[in-house]
Amino acid sequence: MDIYNVIKRPLVTEKGTHQATQSHDETHSRPARGGSYAFEVHRDATKPQIREAIEKIYNVKVQSVRTANRKGKARRVKFKIGQTADWKKAVVVLHSEHHIDLF
């Protein structure tokens, strides 16, 4: 899979912008980390593919990747019930010296 097909779009929300500005110092039990950024990714993408795509597209160093499969919501159109598409969300945590300028 091409790296530009792995990442569909960044998820820009209030929670996401808050998490992007949060970074944590190093303690004796955990390493320092930078902000975390959320992306909508291809449903078949794996964590190593997401890591590689983010590192190459944004030129940053990824510390960890968390993924979640999201179910589509039920929506009503006139008299019929439909459903939005299922999608996959990835939260990428960067090393402390890196950040992504999304805005």
N, C-alpha and C. Protein backbone atom coordinates (compact mmCIF):
# COMPACT_ATOMS: atom_id res chain seq x y z
N MET A 1 0.85 -1.18 0.00
CA MET A 1 0.00 0.00 0.00
C MET A 1 0.90 1.24 0.00
N ASP A 2 0.56 2.21 -0.82
CA ASP A 2 1.30 3.46 -0.92
C ASP A 2 1.12 4.28 0.36
N ILE A 3 2.19 4.98 0.79
CA ILE A 3 2.11 5.72 2.05
C ILE A 3 1.08 6.85 1.97
N TYR A 4 0.83 7.37 0.78
CA TYR A 4 -0.15 8.46 0.65
C TYR A 4 -1.58 7.94 0.64
N ASN A 5 -1.78 6.63 0.51
CA ASN A 5 -3.10 6.04 0.63
C ASN A 5 -3.37 5.54 2.04
N VAL A 6 -2.34 5.40 2.85
CA VAL A 6 -2.50 4.95 4.24
C VAL A 6 -3.18 6.03 5.06
N ILE A 7 -2.70 7.26 4.97
CA ILE A 7 -3.24 8.38 5.74
C ILE A 7 -4.30 9.07 4.90
N LYS A 8 -5.55 9.10 5.38
CA LYS A 8 -6.62 9.76 4.63
C LYS A 8 -6.68 11.25 4.97
N ARG A 9 -6.72 11.56 6.27
CA ARG A 9 -6.80 12.97 6.67
C ARG A 9 -6.49 13.09 8.15
N PRO A 10 -5.99 14.24 8.58
CA PRO A 10 -5.85 14.46 10.03
C PRO A 10 -7.21 14.80 10.63
N LEU A 11 -7.42 14.37 11.86
CA LEU A 11 -8.67 14.67 12.56
C LEU A 11 -8.43 15.91 13.43
N VAL A 12 -9.06 17.01 13.04
CA VAL A 12 -8.87 18.27 13.75
C VAL A 12 -10.09 18.49 14.63
N THR A 13 -9.93 18.24 15.92
CA THR A 13 -10.99 18.43 16.90
C THR A 13 -10.43 19.20 18.08
N GLU A 14 -11.29 19.61 18.99
CA GLU A 14 -10.83 20.31 20.18
C GLU A 14 -9.92 19.42 21.02
N LYS A 15 -10.33 18.18 21.20
CA LYS A 15 -9.52 17.23 21.97
C LYS A 15 -8.18 16.99 21.29
N GLY A 16 -8.21 16.85 19.98
CA GLY A 16 -6.98 16.59 19.24
C GLY A 16 -5.99 17.75 19.31
N THR A 17 -6.49 18.97 19.20
CA THR A 17 -5.59 20.12 19.27
C THR A 17 -5.03 20.27 20.69
N HIS A 18 -5.81 19.93 21.69
CA HIS A 18 -5.31 19.97 23.06
C HIS A 18 -4.22 18.92 23.28
N GLN A 19 -4.44 17.70 22.79
CA GLN A 19 -3.45 16.64 22.95
C GLN A 19 -2.18 16.92 22.15
N ALA A 20 -2.30 17.64 21.05
CA ALA A 20 -1.12 17.96 20.25
C ALA A 20 -0.20 18.93 20.99
N THR A 21 -0.76 19.78 21.84
CA THR A 21 0.06 20.75 22.56
C THR A 21 0.63 20.18 23.85
N GLN A 22 0.12 19.05 24.32
CA GLN A 22 0.59 18.45 25.56
C GLN A 22 1.84 17.62 25.31
N SER A 23 2.86 17.83 26.11
CA SER A 23 4.04 16.99 26.06
C SER A 23 4.42 16.67 27.51
N HIS A 24 5.13 15.57 27.70
CA HIS A 24 5.46 15.11 29.05
C HIS A 24 6.96 14.96 29.19
N ASP A 25 7.47 15.40 30.33
CA ASP A 25 8.89 15.27 30.61
C ASP A 25 9.21 13.83 30.97
N GLU A 26 10.49 13.53 30.92
CA GLU A 26 10.93 12.18 31.25
C GLU A 26 10.89 11.96 32.76
N THR A 27 10.41 10.79 33.17
CA THR A 27 10.46 10.39 34.57
C THR A 27 11.31 9.13 34.66
N HIS A 28 11.47 8.59 35.85
CA HIS A 28 12.29 7.39 35.99
C HIS A 28 11.62 6.16 35.41
N SER A 29 10.30 6.19 35.21
CA SER A 29 9.60 5.02 34.70
C SER A 29 9.13 5.15 33.25
N ARG A 30 9.14 6.36 32.66
CA ARG A 30 8.71 6.51 31.27
C ARG A 30 9.55 7.57 30.57
N PRO A 31 9.76 7.39 29.27
CA PRO A 31 10.55 8.37 28.51
C PRO A 31 9.73 9.62 28.21
N ALA A 32 10.43 10.68 27.83
CA ALA A 32 9.74 11.91 27.45
C ALA A 32 8.99 11.68 26.14
N ARG A 33 7.89 12.40 25.96
CA ARG A 33 7.15 12.28 24.71
C ARG A 33 6.58 13.63 24.31
N GLY A 34 6.38 13.78 23.02
CA GLY A 34 5.78 15.00 22.49
C GLY A 34 4.27 14.88 22.45
N GLY A 35 3.67 15.64 21.58
CA GLY A 35 2.22 15.63 21.47
C GLY A 35 1.72 14.40 20.72
N SER A 36 0.41 14.21 20.78
CA SER A 36 -0.22 13.10 20.05
C SER A 36 -1.19 13.69 19.02
N TYR A 37 -1.21 13.08 17.85
CA TYR A 37 -2.01 13.56 16.73
C TYR A 37 -2.90 12.44 16.23
N ALA A 38 -4.15 12.78 15.88
CA ALA A 38 -5.12 11.78 15.42
C ALA A 38 -5.29 11.90 13.91
N PHE A 39 -5.40 10.74 13.25
CA PHE A 39 -5.57 10.67 11.81
C PHE A 39 -6.62 9.63 11.47
N GLU A 40 -7.35 9.88 10.39
CA GLU A 40 -8.18 8.83 9.80
C GLU A 40 -7.30 8.09 8.82
N VAL A 41 -7.26 6.77 8.95
CA VAL A 41 -6.36 5.97 8.12
C VAL A 41 -7.16 4.91 7.36
N HIS A 42 -6.51 4.29 6.39
CA HIS A 42 -7.12 3.22 5.61
C HIS A 42 -7.47 2.06 6.55
N ARG A 43 -8.60 1.41 6.29
CA ARG A 43 -9.06 0.35 7.22
C ARG A 43 -8.13 -0.84 7.27
N ASP A 44 -7.36 -1.09 6.22
CA ASP A 44 -6.45 -2.24 6.19
C ASP A 44 -5.03 -1.88 6.63
N ALA A 45 -4.79 -0.64 7.01
CA ALA A 45 -3.44 -0.20 7.38
C ALA A 45 -3.04 -0.79 8.74
N THR A 46 -1.79 -1.20 8.84
CA THR A 46 -1.26 -1.74 10.10
C THR A 46 -0.47 -0.65 10.81
N LYS A 47 -0.13 -0.90 12.08
CA LYS A 47 0.63 0.08 12.85
C LYS A 47 1.99 0.39 12.23
N PRO A 48 2.76 -0.61 11.77
CA PRO A 48 4.03 -0.27 11.11
C PRO A 48 3.86 0.55 9.84
N GLN A 49 2.80 0.29 9.07
CA GLN A 49 2.55 1.08 7.87
C GLN A 49 2.19 2.52 8.23
N ILE A 50 1.39 2.70 9.27
CA ILE A 50 1.01 4.05 9.71
C ILE A 50 2.25 4.79 10.21
N ARG A 51 3.09 4.12 10.99
CA ARG A 51 4.32 4.74 11.50
C ARG A 51 5.21 5.21 10.35
N GLU A 52 5.41 4.33 9.35
CA GLU A 52 6.26 4.67 8.22
C GLU A 52 5.70 5.84 7.42
N ALA A 53 4.39 5.84 7.20
CA ALA A 53 3.75 6.91 6.43
C ALA A 53 3.89 8.25 7.14
N ILE A 54 3.62 8.31 8.44
CA ILE A 54 3.72 9.57 9.18
C ILE A 54 5.16 10.06 9.19
N GLU A 55 6.12 9.16 9.41
CA GLU A 55 7.52 9.58 9.45
C GLU A 55 7.99 10.13 8.10
N LYS A 56 7.55 9.54 7.00
CA LYS A 56 7.99 10.00 5.69
C LYS A 56 7.25 11.25 5.23
N ILE A 57 5.95 11.32 5.47
CA ILE A 57 5.16 12.47 5.00
C ILE A 57 5.49 13.73 5.81
N TYR A 58 5.54 13.62 7.14
CA TYR A 58 5.72 14.80 7.99
C TYR A 58 7.15 14.98 8.48
N ASN A 59 8.07 14.06 8.16
CA ASN A 59 9.47 14.14 8.54
C ASN A 59 9.64 14.30 10.06
N VAL A 60 9.02 13.39 10.82
CA VAL A 60 9.08 13.38 12.28
C VAL A 60 9.46 11.97 12.74
N LYS A 61 9.73 11.83 14.03
CA LYS A 61 10.05 10.53 14.63
C LYS A 61 8.87 10.11 15.50
N VAL A 62 8.26 8.96 15.16
CA VAL A 62 7.08 8.46 15.86
C VAL A 62 7.51 7.58 17.03
N GLN A 63 6.92 7.82 18.19
CA GLN A 63 7.22 7.01 19.37
C GLN A 63 6.27 5.82 19.48
N SER A 64 4.96 6.05 19.29
CA SER A 64 4.00 4.94 19.36
C SER A 64 2.78 5.25 18.51
N VAL A 65 2.05 4.19 18.17
CA VAL A 65 0.83 4.30 17.36
C VAL A 65 -0.27 3.50 18.06
N ARG A 66 -1.42 4.13 18.24
CA ARG A 66 -2.59 3.44 18.77
C ARG A 66 -3.69 3.52 17.72
N THR A 67 -4.41 2.41 17.53
CA THR A 67 -5.47 2.39 16.52
C THR A 67 -6.79 1.97 17.14
N ALA A 68 -7.87 2.39 16.48
CA ALA A 68 -9.21 2.01 16.91
C ALA A 68 -10.10 1.93 15.68
N ASN A 69 -10.85 0.84 15.57
CA ASN A 69 -11.84 0.70 14.51
C ASN A 69 -13.14 1.32 14.97
N ARG A 70 -13.65 2.27 14.20
CA ARG A 70 -14.86 3.00 14.58
C ARG A 70 -16.03 2.52 13.72
N LYS A 71 -17.14 2.23 14.36
CA LYS A 71 -18.36 1.82 13.65
C LYS A 71 -19.07 3.06 13.12
N GLY A 72 -19.72 2.89 11.97
CA GLY A 72 -20.50 3.98 11.40
C GLY A 72 -21.78 4.20 12.19
N LYS A 73 -22.29 5.40 12.13
CA LYS A 73 -23.50 5.75 12.87
C LYS A 73 -24.74 5.53 12.00
N ALA A 74 -25.84 5.19 12.64
CA ALA A 74 -27.11 5.05 11.94
C ALA A 74 -27.66 6.44 11.63
N ARG A 75 -28.09 6.63 10.40
CA ARG A 75 -28.64 7.91 9.97
C ARG A 75 -29.94 7.67 9.22
N ARG A 76 -30.89 8.59 9.40
CA ARG A 76 -32.18 8.47 8.73
C ARG A 76 -32.24 9.46 7.58
N VAL A 77 -32.66 8.96 6.42
CA VAL A 77 -32.89 9.80 5.26
C VAL A 77 -34.34 9.58 4.85
N LYS A 78 -35.17 10.59 5.08
CA LYS A 78 -36.61 10.50 4.88
C LYS A 78 -37.18 9.32 5.66
N PHE A 79 -37.57 8.24 4.96
CA PHE A 79 -38.20 7.12 5.66
C PHE A 79 -37.31 5.90 5.77
N LYS A 80 -36.07 6.01 5.35
CA LYS A 80 -35.16 4.87 5.38
C LYS A 80 -34.04 5.10 6.38
N ILE A 81 -33.59 4.02 6.96
CA ILE A 81 -32.46 4.07 7.88
C ILE A 81 -31.22 3.61 7.13
N GLY A 82 -30.20 4.42 7.15
CA GLY A 82 -28.93 4.07 6.52
C GLY A 82 -27.84 4.08 7.57
N GLN A 83 -26.62 3.94 7.12
CA GLN A 83 -25.49 3.94 8.05
C GLN A 83 -24.29 4.57 7.37
N THR A 84 -23.55 5.39 8.13
CA THR A 84 -22.32 5.95 7.60
C THR A 84 -21.25 4.85 7.58
N ALA A 85 -20.20 5.09 6.86
CA ALA A 85 -19.17 4.07 6.67
C ALA A 85 -18.36 3.86 7.95
N ASP A 86 -17.91 2.61 8.16
CA ASP A 86 -16.98 2.32 9.25
C ASP A 86 -15.62 2.90 8.86
N TRP A 87 -14.82 3.28 9.87
CA TRP A 87 -13.52 3.86 9.59
C TRP A 87 -12.54 3.53 10.70
N LYS A 88 -11.27 3.80 10.44
CA LYS A 88 -10.21 3.47 11.39
C LYS A 88 -9.51 4.76 11.80
N LYS A 89 -9.28 4.87 13.10
CA LYS A 89 -8.63 6.05 13.67
C LYS A 89 -7.27 5.64 14.21
N ALA A 90 -6.26 6.47 13.99
CA ALA A 90 -4.92 6.21 14.52
C ALA A 90 -4.47 7.44 15.32
N VAL A 91 -3.99 7.20 16.53
CA VAL A 91 -3.41 8.26 17.36
C VAL A 91 -1.91 8.02 17.40
N VAL A 92 -1.15 9.01 16.93
CA VAL A 92 0.29 8.88 16.78
C VAL A 92 0.96 9.77 17.82
N VAL A 93 1.82 9.19 18.65
CA VAL A 93 2.57 9.93 19.66
C VAL A 93 3.99 10.13 19.14
N LEU A 94 4.46 11.38 19.17
CA LEU A 94 5.77 11.71 18.65
C LEU A 94 6.81 11.81 19.76
N HIS A 95 8.08 11.73 19.37
CA HIS A 95 9.17 11.97 20.32
C HIS A 95 9.13 13.43 20.77
N SER A 96 9.75 13.71 21.89
CA SER A 96 9.61 15.02 22.52
C SER A 96 10.14 16.18 21.69
N GLU A 97 11.12 15.94 20.82
CA GLU A 97 11.69 17.05 20.05
C GLU A 97 11.00 17.29 18.70
N HIS A 98 9.95 16.52 18.40
CA HIS A 98 9.25 16.65 17.12
C HIS A 98 7.82 17.14 17.33
N HIS A 99 7.28 17.82 16.30
CA HIS A 99 5.88 18.22 16.29
C HIS A 99 5.43 18.38 14.84
N ILE A 100 4.11 18.37 14.62
CA ILE A 100 3.52 18.52 13.30
C ILE A 100 2.71 19.81 13.29
N ASP A 101 2.95 20.65 12.30
CA ASP A 101 2.16 21.87 12.13
C ASP A 101 1.01 21.58 11.19
N LEU A 102 -0.18 21.35 11.75
CA LEU A 102 -1.36 21.03 10.94
C LEU A 102 -2.11 22.29 10.50
N PHE A 103 -1.91 23.40 11.18
CA PHE A 103 -2.66 24.62 10.86
C PHE A 103 -1.72 25.64 10.25
